[in-house]
N, C-alpha and C. Protein backbone atom coordinates (compact mmCIF):
# COMPACT_ATOMS: atom_id res chain seq x y z
N MET A 1 -50.28 83.98 -40.81
CA MET A 1 -49.94 83.30 -39.55
C MET A 1 -49.65 84.34 -38.47
N SER A 2 -50.35 84.24 -37.35
CA SER A 2 -50.15 85.21 -36.27
C SER A 2 -48.87 84.89 -35.52
N SER A 3 -48.36 85.90 -34.79
CA SER A 3 -47.11 85.71 -34.04
C SER A 3 -47.28 84.64 -32.97
N GLU A 4 -48.52 84.42 -32.53
CA GLU A 4 -48.76 83.40 -31.50
C GLU A 4 -48.55 81.98 -32.05
N ASP A 5 -48.67 81.82 -33.38
CA ASP A 5 -48.52 80.51 -33.99
C ASP A 5 -47.06 80.18 -34.31
N VAL A 6 -46.17 81.16 -34.17
CA VAL A 6 -44.76 80.98 -34.51
C VAL A 6 -43.98 80.50 -33.29
N ILE A 7 -43.24 79.41 -33.46
CA ILE A 7 -42.44 78.86 -32.36
C ILE A 7 -41.12 79.61 -32.27
N ARG A 8 -40.87 80.18 -31.10
CA ARG A 8 -39.65 80.96 -30.86
C ARG A 8 -38.51 80.03 -30.42
N VAL A 9 -37.44 80.03 -31.22
CA VAL A 9 -36.33 79.09 -31.00
C VAL A 9 -35.03 79.84 -30.68
N VAL A 10 -34.28 79.31 -29.72
CA VAL A 10 -32.93 79.81 -29.43
C VAL A 10 -31.97 78.64 -29.61
N ILE A 11 -30.81 78.91 -30.22
CA ILE A 11 -29.80 77.88 -30.47
C ILE A 11 -28.56 78.17 -29.63
N ILE A 12 -28.09 77.16 -28.89
CA ILE A 12 -26.84 77.29 -28.14
C ILE A 12 -25.90 76.20 -28.65
N GLU A 13 -24.94 76.61 -29.45
CA GLU A 13 -24.03 75.69 -30.17
C GLU A 13 -22.72 76.42 -30.42
N ASP A 14 -21.59 75.81 -30.02
CA ASP A 14 -20.32 76.54 -30.10
C ASP A 14 -19.72 76.58 -31.51
N ASP A 15 -20.06 75.62 -32.37
CA ASP A 15 -19.52 75.61 -33.73
C ASP A 15 -20.30 76.59 -34.60
N GLU A 16 -19.61 77.62 -35.07
CA GLU A 16 -20.30 78.71 -35.79
C GLU A 16 -20.99 78.24 -37.06
N ILE A 17 -20.34 77.35 -37.81
CA ILE A 17 -20.93 76.86 -39.07
C ILE A 17 -22.20 76.06 -38.77
N ILE A 18 -22.12 75.18 -37.78
CA ILE A 18 -23.30 74.38 -37.41
C ILE A 18 -24.40 75.28 -36.86
N ARG A 19 -24.01 76.23 -36.01
CA ARG A 19 -24.98 77.16 -35.39
C ARG A 19 -25.73 77.94 -36.47
N ASN A 20 -24.99 78.49 -37.41
CA ASN A 20 -25.62 79.26 -38.49
C ASN A 20 -26.43 78.37 -39.42
N GLY A 21 -25.95 77.12 -39.61
CA GLY A 21 -26.69 76.17 -40.45
C GLY A 21 -28.05 75.84 -39.86
N TYR A 22 -28.08 75.56 -38.56
CA TYR A 22 -29.35 75.30 -37.88
C TYR A 22 -30.27 76.51 -37.99
N ALA A 23 -29.70 77.69 -37.74
CA ALA A 23 -30.50 78.92 -37.77
C ALA A 23 -31.13 79.11 -39.14
N PHE A 24 -30.37 78.82 -40.20
CA PHE A 24 -30.88 78.98 -41.57
C PHE A 24 -31.98 77.95 -41.84
N LEU A 25 -31.70 76.68 -41.53
CA LEU A 25 -32.66 75.60 -41.82
C LEU A 25 -33.98 75.80 -41.09
N ILE A 26 -33.88 76.18 -39.82
CA ILE A 26 -35.09 76.35 -39.01
C ILE A 26 -35.81 77.64 -39.38
N GLY A 27 -35.03 78.69 -39.59
CA GLY A 27 -35.61 80.01 -39.88
C GLY A 27 -36.39 80.08 -41.18
N LYS A 28 -36.02 79.21 -42.14
CA LYS A 28 -36.73 79.28 -43.43
C LYS A 28 -38.04 78.48 -43.42
N GLU A 29 -38.26 77.73 -42.34
CA GLU A 29 -39.50 76.96 -42.23
C GLU A 29 -40.63 77.86 -41.73
N PRO A 30 -41.80 77.81 -42.37
CA PRO A 30 -42.93 78.60 -41.87
C PRO A 30 -43.34 78.11 -40.47
N GLY A 31 -43.63 79.05 -39.58
CA GLY A 31 -44.06 78.69 -38.24
C GLY A 31 -42.93 78.65 -37.24
N PHE A 32 -41.71 79.02 -37.67
CA PHE A 32 -40.56 79.02 -36.77
C PHE A 32 -39.83 80.36 -36.85
N HIS A 33 -39.35 80.82 -35.71
CA HIS A 33 -38.56 82.05 -35.68
C HIS A 33 -37.36 81.84 -34.77
N VAL A 34 -36.15 81.90 -35.35
CA VAL A 34 -34.93 81.79 -34.53
C VAL A 34 -34.68 83.17 -33.93
N VAL A 35 -34.98 83.29 -32.64
CA VAL A 35 -34.91 84.58 -31.95
C VAL A 35 -33.46 84.98 -31.71
N ASN A 36 -32.62 83.99 -31.37
CA ASN A 36 -31.22 84.30 -31.08
C ASN A 36 -30.39 83.03 -31.15
N LYS A 37 -29.08 83.20 -31.27
CA LYS A 37 -28.18 82.05 -31.24
C LYS A 37 -26.91 82.45 -30.48
N TYR A 38 -26.39 81.48 -29.73
CA TYR A 38 -25.26 81.75 -28.84
C TYR A 38 -24.20 80.66 -28.98
N ALA A 39 -22.94 81.04 -28.69
CA ALA A 39 -21.83 80.11 -28.79
C ALA A 39 -21.59 79.37 -27.48
N SER A 40 -22.23 79.80 -26.40
CA SER A 40 -22.06 79.14 -25.11
C SER A 40 -23.25 79.46 -24.21
N PHE A 41 -23.41 78.64 -23.18
CA PHE A 41 -24.46 78.92 -22.20
C PHE A 41 -24.14 80.21 -21.45
N ASP A 42 -22.85 80.39 -21.13
CA ASP A 42 -22.45 81.56 -20.34
C ASP A 42 -22.82 82.87 -21.06
N GLU A 43 -22.70 82.84 -22.39
CA GLU A 43 -23.11 84.01 -23.19
C GLU A 43 -24.64 84.12 -23.19
N ALA A 44 -25.30 82.98 -23.37
CA ALA A 44 -26.76 82.98 -23.44
C ALA A 44 -27.41 83.41 -22.14
N ALA A 45 -26.80 83.02 -21.02
CA ALA A 45 -27.39 83.27 -19.70
C ALA A 45 -27.71 84.74 -19.47
N LYS A 46 -26.92 85.62 -20.08
CA LYS A 46 -27.10 87.07 -19.86
C LYS A 46 -28.32 87.62 -20.59
N LYS A 47 -28.72 86.96 -21.68
CA LYS A 47 -29.76 87.56 -22.54
C LYS A 47 -30.98 86.69 -22.80
N ILE A 48 -30.88 85.39 -22.51
CA ILE A 48 -31.91 84.45 -22.99
C ILE A 48 -33.29 84.71 -22.40
N SER A 49 -33.34 85.28 -21.21
CA SER A 49 -34.63 85.58 -20.59
C SER A 49 -35.43 86.55 -21.47
N ALA A 50 -34.73 87.55 -22.03
CA ALA A 50 -35.39 88.54 -22.89
C ALA A 50 -35.79 87.94 -24.24
N ASP A 51 -35.13 86.84 -24.64
CA ASP A 51 -35.48 86.19 -25.92
C ASP A 51 -36.84 85.50 -25.86
N GLU A 52 -37.26 85.14 -24.64
CA GLU A 52 -38.52 84.42 -24.42
C GLU A 52 -38.66 83.20 -25.34
N PRO A 53 -37.65 82.30 -25.32
CA PRO A 53 -37.72 81.13 -26.20
C PRO A 53 -38.78 80.14 -25.74
N GLU A 54 -39.36 79.43 -26.70
CA GLU A 54 -40.27 78.34 -26.37
C GLU A 54 -39.52 77.01 -26.45
N VAL A 55 -38.56 76.94 -27.38
CA VAL A 55 -37.73 75.75 -27.52
C VAL A 55 -36.26 76.17 -27.64
N ILE A 56 -35.39 75.49 -26.89
CA ILE A 56 -33.95 75.77 -26.94
C ILE A 56 -33.25 74.54 -27.49
N LEU A 57 -32.46 74.73 -28.56
CA LEU A 57 -31.60 73.65 -29.06
C LEU A 57 -30.27 73.79 -28.34
N LEU A 58 -29.86 72.75 -27.64
CA LEU A 58 -28.68 72.83 -26.78
C LEU A 58 -27.66 71.74 -27.11
N ASP A 59 -26.42 72.18 -27.38
CA ASP A 59 -25.34 71.23 -27.57
C ASP A 59 -24.82 70.81 -26.19
N ILE A 60 -24.14 69.67 -26.11
CA ILE A 60 -23.59 69.24 -24.82
C ILE A 60 -22.17 69.77 -24.63
N GLU A 61 -21.35 69.62 -25.67
CA GLU A 61 -19.96 70.07 -25.53
C GLU A 61 -19.88 71.57 -25.84
N LEU A 62 -19.82 72.35 -24.78
CA LEU A 62 -19.78 73.81 -24.91
C LEU A 62 -18.59 74.34 -24.11
N PRO A 63 -18.01 75.46 -24.53
CA PRO A 63 -16.95 76.07 -23.71
C PRO A 63 -17.54 76.59 -22.40
N GLY A 64 -16.78 76.49 -21.32
CA GLY A 64 -17.32 76.93 -20.02
C GLY A 64 -18.30 75.91 -19.49
N THR A 65 -19.51 76.36 -19.18
CA THR A 65 -20.56 75.48 -18.66
C THR A 65 -21.03 74.54 -19.77
N ASN A 66 -20.92 73.22 -19.55
CA ASN A 66 -21.37 72.31 -20.61
C ASN A 66 -22.89 72.17 -20.62
N GLY A 67 -23.40 71.48 -21.62
CA GLY A 67 -24.84 71.40 -21.80
C GLY A 67 -25.58 70.74 -20.64
N ILE A 68 -24.99 69.67 -20.07
CA ILE A 68 -25.64 68.97 -18.96
C ILE A 68 -25.72 69.90 -17.74
N GLU A 69 -24.62 70.62 -17.47
CA GLU A 69 -24.59 71.57 -16.34
C GLU A 69 -25.55 72.74 -16.60
N ALA A 70 -25.69 73.10 -17.88
CA ALA A 70 -26.53 74.25 -18.25
C ALA A 70 -28.02 73.96 -18.10
N LEU A 71 -28.41 72.68 -18.23
CA LEU A 71 -29.84 72.34 -18.24
C LEU A 71 -30.61 72.86 -17.03
N PRO A 72 -30.21 72.53 -15.79
CA PRO A 72 -30.98 73.03 -14.64
C PRO A 72 -30.95 74.55 -14.53
N LYS A 73 -29.87 75.16 -15.00
CA LYS A 73 -29.77 76.63 -14.96
C LYS A 73 -30.74 77.26 -15.96
N LEU A 74 -30.83 76.65 -17.14
CA LEU A 74 -31.79 77.14 -18.14
C LEU A 74 -33.22 76.99 -17.64
N LYS A 75 -33.50 75.88 -16.95
CA LYS A 75 -34.86 75.66 -16.43
C LYS A 75 -35.24 76.71 -15.39
N LYS A 76 -34.23 77.26 -14.71
CA LYS A 76 -34.50 78.33 -13.74
C LYS A 76 -34.69 79.67 -14.44
N ILE A 77 -33.86 79.94 -15.45
CA ILE A 77 -33.92 81.24 -16.14
C ILE A 77 -35.17 81.34 -17.01
N VAL A 78 -35.43 80.27 -17.78
CA VAL A 78 -36.61 80.25 -18.67
C VAL A 78 -37.41 78.96 -18.40
N PRO A 79 -38.13 78.92 -17.29
CA PRO A 79 -38.80 77.67 -16.87
C PRO A 79 -39.82 77.12 -17.84
N ASP A 80 -40.39 77.96 -18.69
CA ASP A 80 -41.43 77.47 -19.60
C ASP A 80 -40.86 76.96 -20.93
N ALA A 81 -39.56 77.12 -21.13
CA ALA A 81 -38.96 76.69 -22.40
C ALA A 81 -38.66 75.19 -22.36
N PHE A 82 -38.83 74.54 -23.51
CA PHE A 82 -38.46 73.13 -23.66
C PHE A 82 -37.03 73.08 -24.20
N VAL A 83 -36.23 72.18 -23.65
CA VAL A 83 -34.83 72.06 -24.09
C VAL A 83 -34.66 70.76 -24.88
N LEU A 84 -34.16 70.91 -26.10
CA LEU A 84 -33.92 69.77 -26.98
C LEU A 84 -32.42 69.63 -27.17
N ILE A 85 -31.86 68.53 -26.68
CA ILE A 85 -30.42 68.29 -26.84
C ILE A 85 -30.13 67.89 -28.28
N LEU A 86 -29.11 68.50 -28.87
CA LEU A 86 -28.69 68.17 -30.23
C LEU A 86 -27.17 68.05 -30.20
N THR A 87 -26.67 66.82 -30.24
CA THR A 87 -25.26 66.59 -29.96
C THR A 87 -24.71 65.42 -30.77
N VAL A 88 -23.38 65.29 -30.79
CA VAL A 88 -22.76 64.13 -31.44
C VAL A 88 -22.70 62.96 -30.47
N TYR A 89 -22.91 63.23 -29.18
CA TYR A 89 -22.73 62.20 -28.16
C TYR A 89 -23.98 61.36 -27.95
N ASP A 90 -23.79 60.03 -27.91
CA ASP A 90 -24.94 59.17 -27.68
C ASP A 90 -24.64 58.13 -26.59
N SER A 91 -23.83 58.53 -25.61
CA SER A 91 -23.53 57.59 -24.52
C SER A 91 -24.74 57.50 -23.60
N GLU A 92 -24.95 56.31 -23.07
CA GLU A 92 -26.11 56.05 -22.22
C GLU A 92 -26.16 57.01 -21.02
N LYS A 93 -25.00 57.22 -20.39
CA LYS A 93 -24.95 58.07 -19.20
C LYS A 93 -25.36 59.50 -19.54
N LEU A 94 -24.84 60.04 -20.65
CA LEU A 94 -25.19 61.41 -21.03
C LEU A 94 -26.67 61.55 -21.34
N ILE A 95 -27.23 60.54 -22.00
CA ILE A 95 -28.66 60.59 -22.33
C ILE A 95 -29.50 60.68 -21.06
N PHE A 96 -29.21 59.79 -20.10
CA PHE A 96 -30.00 59.78 -18.88
C PHE A 96 -29.71 60.99 -18.00
N ASP A 97 -28.46 61.45 -18.00
CA ASP A 97 -28.13 62.68 -17.27
C ASP A 97 -28.93 63.86 -17.84
N ALA A 98 -29.01 63.92 -19.17
CA ALA A 98 -29.73 65.02 -19.83
C ALA A 98 -31.22 64.95 -19.51
N LEU A 99 -31.81 63.76 -19.61
CA LEU A 99 -33.25 63.61 -19.34
C LEU A 99 -33.56 63.89 -17.87
N ALA A 100 -32.67 63.43 -16.99
CA ALA A 100 -32.88 63.64 -15.56
C ALA A 100 -32.69 65.11 -15.17
N SER A 101 -31.93 65.84 -15.99
CA SER A 101 -31.67 67.26 -15.69
C SER A 101 -32.67 68.21 -16.34
N GLY A 102 -33.66 67.63 -17.04
CA GLY A 102 -34.72 68.48 -17.58
C GLY A 102 -34.84 68.58 -19.08
N ALA A 103 -34.01 67.83 -19.83
CA ALA A 103 -34.16 67.85 -21.30
C ALA A 103 -35.48 67.20 -21.69
N SER A 104 -36.13 67.76 -22.70
CA SER A 104 -37.40 67.21 -23.16
C SER A 104 -37.23 66.28 -24.36
N GLY A 105 -36.04 66.28 -24.95
CA GLY A 105 -35.78 65.42 -26.09
C GLY A 105 -34.29 65.32 -26.32
N TYR A 106 -33.86 64.35 -27.14
CA TYR A 106 -32.43 64.11 -27.33
C TYR A 106 -32.21 63.64 -28.77
N LEU A 107 -31.53 64.46 -29.56
CA LEU A 107 -31.24 64.12 -30.95
C LEU A 107 -29.73 64.10 -31.16
N THR A 108 -29.27 63.23 -32.07
CA THR A 108 -27.87 63.28 -32.47
C THR A 108 -27.76 64.12 -33.75
N LYS A 109 -26.55 64.65 -33.97
CA LYS A 109 -26.37 65.63 -35.05
C LYS A 109 -26.47 65.04 -36.44
N ASN A 110 -26.56 63.72 -36.55
CA ASN A 110 -26.77 63.14 -37.88
C ASN A 110 -28.26 63.13 -38.23
N SER A 111 -29.09 63.71 -37.36
CA SER A 111 -30.53 63.81 -37.64
C SER A 111 -30.75 64.72 -38.85
N SER A 112 -31.72 64.38 -39.68
CA SER A 112 -32.02 65.21 -40.85
C SER A 112 -32.63 66.54 -40.41
N SER A 113 -32.55 67.53 -41.30
CA SER A 113 -33.14 68.84 -40.98
C SER A 113 -34.64 68.69 -40.76
N PHE A 114 -35.28 67.77 -41.50
CA PHE A 114 -36.71 67.52 -41.33
C PHE A 114 -36.98 67.01 -39.92
N LYS A 115 -36.15 66.05 -39.45
CA LYS A 115 -36.32 65.48 -38.11
C LYS A 115 -36.15 66.55 -37.03
N ILE A 116 -35.17 67.44 -37.23
CA ILE A 116 -34.92 68.50 -36.25
C ILE A 116 -36.12 69.44 -36.16
N VAL A 117 -36.61 69.87 -37.32
CA VAL A 117 -37.76 70.78 -37.36
C VAL A 117 -39.00 70.12 -36.75
N GLU A 118 -39.25 68.86 -37.13
CA GLU A 118 -40.40 68.14 -36.59
C GLU A 118 -40.27 67.93 -35.08
N SER A 119 -39.04 67.72 -34.62
CA SER A 119 -38.81 67.51 -33.19
C SER A 119 -39.06 68.78 -32.39
N ILE A 120 -38.72 69.93 -32.97
CA ILE A 120 -39.01 71.21 -32.30
C ILE A 120 -40.53 71.36 -32.15
N ARG A 121 -41.24 71.04 -33.21
CA ARG A 121 -42.71 71.12 -33.17
C ARG A 121 -43.27 70.13 -32.14
N GLU A 122 -42.71 68.91 -32.15
CA GLU A 122 -43.21 67.85 -31.25
C GLU A 122 -42.96 68.21 -29.79
N VAL A 123 -41.77 68.73 -29.50
CA VAL A 123 -41.43 69.05 -28.12
C VAL A 123 -42.29 70.21 -27.62
N LYS A 124 -42.62 71.13 -28.50
CA LYS A 124 -43.49 72.26 -28.14
C LYS A 124 -44.89 71.76 -27.79
N GLU A 125 -45.30 70.64 -28.40
CA GLU A 125 -46.62 70.07 -28.14
C GLU A 125 -46.61 69.07 -26.97
N GLY A 126 -45.47 69.01 -26.27
CA GLY A 126 -45.41 68.16 -25.08
C GLY A 126 -44.80 66.79 -25.30
N GLY A 127 -44.29 66.52 -26.50
CA GLY A 127 -43.67 65.22 -26.78
C GLY A 127 -42.24 65.17 -26.28
N GLY A 128 -41.63 64.00 -26.45
CA GLY A 128 -40.23 63.82 -26.04
C GLY A 128 -39.45 63.18 -27.17
N PRO A 129 -39.19 63.92 -28.25
CA PRO A 129 -38.55 63.32 -29.42
C PRO A 129 -37.13 62.83 -29.15
N MET A 130 -36.79 61.72 -29.79
CA MET A 130 -35.44 61.18 -29.71
C MET A 130 -35.05 60.61 -31.07
N SER A 131 -33.76 60.64 -31.37
CA SER A 131 -33.27 59.94 -32.55
C SER A 131 -33.55 58.46 -32.36
N ILE A 132 -33.72 57.73 -33.46
CA ILE A 132 -34.06 56.31 -33.38
C ILE A 132 -33.01 55.55 -32.57
N ASN A 133 -31.72 55.85 -32.82
CA ASN A 133 -30.67 55.13 -32.10
C ASN A 133 -30.71 55.43 -30.60
N ILE A 134 -31.10 56.65 -30.24
CA ILE A 134 -31.20 57.02 -28.82
C ILE A 134 -32.37 56.28 -28.18
N ALA A 135 -33.51 56.29 -28.86
CA ALA A 135 -34.70 55.61 -28.33
C ALA A 135 -34.42 54.12 -28.13
N ARG A 136 -33.71 53.51 -29.09
CA ARG A 136 -33.37 52.08 -28.97
C ARG A 136 -32.49 51.85 -27.74
N MET A 137 -31.53 52.76 -27.55
CA MET A 137 -30.61 52.63 -26.43
C MET A 137 -31.34 52.76 -25.09
N VAL A 138 -32.29 53.70 -25.05
CA VAL A 138 -33.07 53.92 -23.83
C VAL A 138 -33.83 52.64 -23.48
N ILE A 139 -34.46 52.06 -24.48
CA ILE A 139 -35.26 50.84 -24.24
C ILE A 139 -34.35 49.66 -23.88
N LYS A 140 -33.27 49.52 -24.65
CA LYS A 140 -32.38 48.37 -24.48
C LYS A 140 -31.69 48.38 -23.11
N SER A 141 -31.48 49.59 -22.59
CA SER A 141 -30.74 49.70 -21.33
C SER A 141 -31.55 49.20 -20.14
N PHE A 142 -32.87 49.09 -20.35
CA PHE A 142 -33.74 48.62 -19.27
C PHE A 142 -33.93 47.11 -19.34
N GLN A 143 -33.66 46.43 -18.26
CA GLN A 143 -33.94 45.00 -18.18
C GLN A 143 -34.90 44.80 -17.01
N ARG A 144 -35.97 44.10 -17.27
CA ARG A 144 -37.06 44.00 -16.31
C ARG A 144 -36.65 43.41 -14.97
N ASN A 145 -37.20 43.99 -13.94
CA ASN A 145 -37.08 43.43 -12.59
C ASN A 145 -38.36 42.61 -12.34
N PRO A 146 -38.24 41.30 -12.12
CA PRO A 146 -39.45 40.48 -11.94
C PRO A 146 -40.27 40.86 -10.71
N ASP A 147 -39.64 41.57 -9.76
CA ASP A 147 -40.34 41.99 -8.54
C ASP A 147 -40.85 43.42 -8.64
N SER A 148 -41.05 43.89 -9.85
CA SER A 148 -41.50 45.27 -10.07
C SER A 148 -42.84 45.54 -9.38
N PRO A 149 -42.98 46.73 -8.76
CA PRO A 149 -44.27 47.09 -8.16
C PRO A 149 -45.30 47.52 -9.20
N LEU A 150 -44.83 47.69 -10.45
CA LEU A 150 -45.73 48.19 -11.50
C LEU A 150 -46.51 47.04 -12.15
N SER A 151 -47.75 47.35 -12.51
CA SER A 151 -48.55 46.37 -13.25
C SER A 151 -48.02 46.29 -14.69
N LYS A 152 -48.50 45.29 -15.43
CA LYS A 152 -48.06 45.12 -16.82
C LYS A 152 -48.40 46.37 -17.64
N ARG A 153 -49.59 46.90 -17.44
CA ARG A 153 -50.01 48.09 -18.20
C ARG A 153 -49.19 49.31 -17.81
N GLU A 154 -48.92 49.46 -16.52
CA GLU A 154 -48.11 50.60 -16.05
C GLU A 154 -46.70 50.52 -16.64
N THR A 155 -46.18 49.30 -16.72
CA THR A 155 -44.85 49.09 -17.30
C THR A 155 -44.85 49.50 -18.77
N GLN A 156 -45.91 49.11 -19.50
CA GLN A 156 -46.03 49.49 -20.91
C GLN A 156 -46.06 51.00 -21.06
N VAL A 157 -46.84 51.66 -20.20
CA VAL A 157 -46.96 53.12 -20.25
C VAL A 157 -45.59 53.76 -19.99
N LEU A 158 -44.89 53.27 -18.98
CA LEU A 158 -43.59 53.86 -18.63
C LEU A 158 -42.56 53.61 -19.72
N GLU A 159 -42.63 52.46 -20.37
CA GLU A 159 -41.74 52.17 -21.50
C GLU A 159 -41.96 53.18 -22.63
N LEU A 160 -43.22 53.48 -22.91
CA LEU A 160 -43.54 54.45 -23.96
C LEU A 160 -43.10 55.86 -23.57
N VAL A 161 -43.22 56.19 -22.29
CA VAL A 161 -42.70 57.47 -21.80
C VAL A 161 -41.19 57.53 -22.05
N GLY A 162 -40.51 56.42 -21.74
CA GLY A 162 -39.07 56.34 -21.97
C GLY A 162 -38.69 56.41 -23.43
N ASN A 163 -39.65 56.08 -24.28
CA ASN A 163 -39.44 56.14 -25.73
C ASN A 163 -39.80 57.51 -26.30
N GLY A 164 -40.08 58.45 -25.39
CA GLY A 164 -40.34 59.81 -25.83
C GLY A 164 -41.76 60.10 -26.26
N LYS A 165 -42.69 59.20 -25.97
CA LYS A 165 -44.08 59.41 -26.38
C LYS A 165 -44.80 60.33 -25.38
N ASN A 166 -45.66 61.20 -25.91
CA ASN A 166 -46.47 62.01 -25.00
C ASN A 166 -47.76 61.25 -24.65
N ARG A 167 -48.57 61.83 -23.79
CA ARG A 167 -49.74 61.10 -23.28
C ARG A 167 -50.74 60.74 -24.38
N SER A 168 -50.93 61.65 -25.32
CA SER A 168 -51.87 61.38 -26.42
C SER A 168 -51.38 60.23 -27.28
N GLN A 169 -50.07 60.22 -27.55
CA GLN A 169 -49.50 59.14 -28.37
C GLN A 169 -49.61 57.80 -27.64
N ILE A 170 -49.39 57.81 -26.33
CA ILE A 170 -49.50 56.58 -25.53
C ILE A 170 -50.93 56.06 -25.58
N ALA A 171 -51.90 56.97 -25.44
CA ALA A 171 -53.31 56.58 -25.49
C ALA A 171 -53.64 55.90 -26.82
N ARG A 172 -53.16 56.51 -27.92
CA ARG A 172 -53.41 55.95 -29.25
C ARG A 172 -52.74 54.58 -29.41
N GLU A 173 -51.48 54.48 -28.95
CA GLU A 173 -50.71 53.26 -29.16
C GLU A 173 -51.27 52.08 -28.34
N LEU A 174 -51.80 52.39 -27.15
CA LEU A 174 -52.32 51.32 -26.30
C LEU A 174 -53.85 51.17 -26.38
N PHE A 175 -54.47 51.99 -27.26
CA PHE A 175 -55.93 51.94 -27.44
C PHE A 175 -56.68 52.17 -26.13
N ILE A 176 -56.22 53.16 -25.38
CA ILE A 176 -56.91 53.55 -24.15
C ILE A 176 -57.15 55.05 -24.19
N ASP A 177 -58.04 55.56 -23.32
CA ASP A 177 -58.30 56.99 -23.38
C ASP A 177 -57.27 57.77 -22.55
N LEU A 178 -57.25 59.08 -22.79
CA LEU A 178 -56.24 59.96 -22.18
C LEU A 178 -56.33 59.95 -20.66
N GLU A 179 -57.54 59.88 -20.14
CA GLU A 179 -57.73 59.88 -18.69
C GLU A 179 -57.12 58.61 -18.06
N THR A 180 -57.22 57.50 -18.77
CA THR A 180 -56.62 56.25 -18.28
C THR A 180 -55.10 56.37 -18.25
N VAL A 181 -54.52 57.00 -19.28
CA VAL A 181 -53.07 57.22 -19.31
C VAL A 181 -52.66 58.07 -18.11
N ARG A 182 -53.41 59.16 -17.88
CA ARG A 182 -53.12 60.04 -16.74
C ARG A 182 -53.17 59.26 -15.43
N SER A 183 -54.16 58.39 -15.31
CA SER A 183 -54.33 57.58 -14.10
C SER A 183 -53.15 56.62 -13.91
N HIS A 184 -52.71 55.98 -15.01
CA HIS A 184 -51.56 55.07 -14.94
C HIS A 184 -50.30 55.83 -14.51
N ILE A 185 -50.09 57.01 -15.11
CA ILE A 185 -48.89 57.80 -14.80
C ILE A 185 -48.92 58.24 -13.33
N LYS A 186 -50.11 58.63 -12.86
CA LYS A 186 -50.26 59.01 -11.45
C LYS A 186 -49.89 57.84 -10.53
N ASN A 187 -50.37 56.64 -10.89
CA ASN A 187 -50.07 55.44 -10.10
C ASN A 187 -48.58 55.09 -10.13
N ILE A 188 -47.97 55.27 -11.33
CA ILE A 188 -46.53 55.01 -11.48
C ILE A 188 -45.75 55.93 -10.55
N TYR A 189 -46.09 57.22 -10.59
CA TYR A 189 -45.39 58.21 -9.75
C TYR A 189 -45.55 57.85 -8.27
N MET A 190 -46.76 57.42 -7.90
CA MET A 190 -47.04 57.10 -6.50
C MET A 190 -46.24 55.85 -6.07
N LYS A 191 -46.26 54.81 -6.91
CA LYS A 191 -45.55 53.58 -6.58
C LYS A 191 -44.03 53.77 -6.53
N LEU A 192 -43.52 54.66 -7.41
CA LEU A 192 -42.07 54.87 -7.45
C LEU A 192 -41.64 56.03 -6.55
N ASP A 193 -42.63 56.69 -5.94
CA ASP A 193 -42.37 57.83 -5.04
C ASP A 193 -41.59 58.93 -5.75
N VAL A 194 -42.08 59.31 -6.95
CA VAL A 194 -41.44 60.38 -7.73
C VAL A 194 -42.51 61.40 -8.14
N ASN A 195 -42.03 62.54 -8.66
CA ASN A 195 -42.97 63.61 -9.04
C ASN A 195 -42.81 64.09 -10.48
N SER A 196 -41.95 63.43 -11.25
CA SER A 196 -41.74 63.89 -12.63
C SER A 196 -41.39 62.73 -13.54
N ARG A 197 -41.53 62.97 -14.83
CA ARG A 197 -41.20 61.97 -15.84
C ARG A 197 -39.72 61.58 -15.73
N ALA A 198 -38.86 62.60 -15.59
CA ALA A 198 -37.42 62.34 -15.52
C ALA A 198 -37.07 61.46 -14.33
N ASP A 199 -37.68 61.77 -13.17
CA ASP A 199 -37.41 60.98 -11.96
C ASP A 199 -37.96 59.55 -12.10
N ALA A 200 -39.13 59.42 -12.74
CA ALA A 200 -39.71 58.10 -12.95
C ALA A 200 -38.78 57.25 -13.81
N LEU A 201 -38.25 57.84 -14.89
CA LEU A 201 -37.34 57.11 -15.77
C LEU A 201 -36.05 56.75 -15.04
N LYS A 202 -35.56 57.71 -14.26
CA LYS A 202 -34.31 57.48 -13.53
C LYS A 202 -34.48 56.33 -12.52
N THR A 203 -35.58 56.37 -11.78
CA THR A 203 -35.85 55.33 -10.78
C THR A 203 -36.08 53.98 -11.45
N ALA A 204 -36.82 54.00 -12.56
CA ALA A 204 -37.11 52.75 -13.28
C ALA A 204 -35.82 52.13 -13.81
N ARG A 205 -34.95 52.98 -14.33
CA ARG A 205 -33.69 52.49 -14.86
C ARG A 205 -32.81 51.91 -13.75
N LYS A 206 -32.75 52.64 -12.66
CA LYS A 206 -31.92 52.20 -11.52
C LYS A 206 -32.38 50.86 -10.97
N ASN A 207 -33.70 50.67 -10.93
CA ASN A 207 -34.26 49.46 -10.33
C ASN A 207 -34.66 48.41 -11.37
N LYS A 208 -34.30 48.68 -12.64
CA LYS A 208 -34.57 47.75 -13.75
C LYS A 208 -36.05 47.34 -13.82
N LEU A 209 -36.92 48.35 -13.76
CA LEU A 209 -38.36 48.08 -13.78
C LEU A 209 -38.92 48.02 -15.19
N ILE A 210 -38.21 48.62 -16.13
CA ILE A 210 -38.68 48.55 -17.53
C ILE A 210 -37.51 48.24 -18.45
């Protein structure tokens, strides 16, 4: 396996036992390399650029700068890295704050090691993995607005986006081609006057469109 095939992972978690446990579980999997691990964002901020992570596992409750506050800062320091939240918290507000601030996925700490490893792989491929309970909460929190500007198909696409599906998965699930999915997403962004998945979800939630 070439170094290009290995996913570079950084862990930011204040609990030393959990931090080392994640590092061990992920590090022993072929195709993964835990480049570094930190007890806080403030510690990570000084060195993470040199780590060149592809995926960052981020806890929310951290000493100093918390995970939600750290998200936009991480996106500036390492803009190409995907951030996967891994936390004990599953409140609706935190989930949407995290997604709106740039998180690519959201897992709770009761997730199996298999789920965590698969989620790192999925997020690297452009997916938006979530724990089942989180995905249910995301969907349940949306109640349809009958005056929605979105078509039925656009609503379906946006619901699947909110469920953490990437474009290829949406195409497969709705039996449409990838170009059609891209077209629907473009129309959704235009109708909602947004430029990103996070903003589309935030606007849809606020206006009860899905």
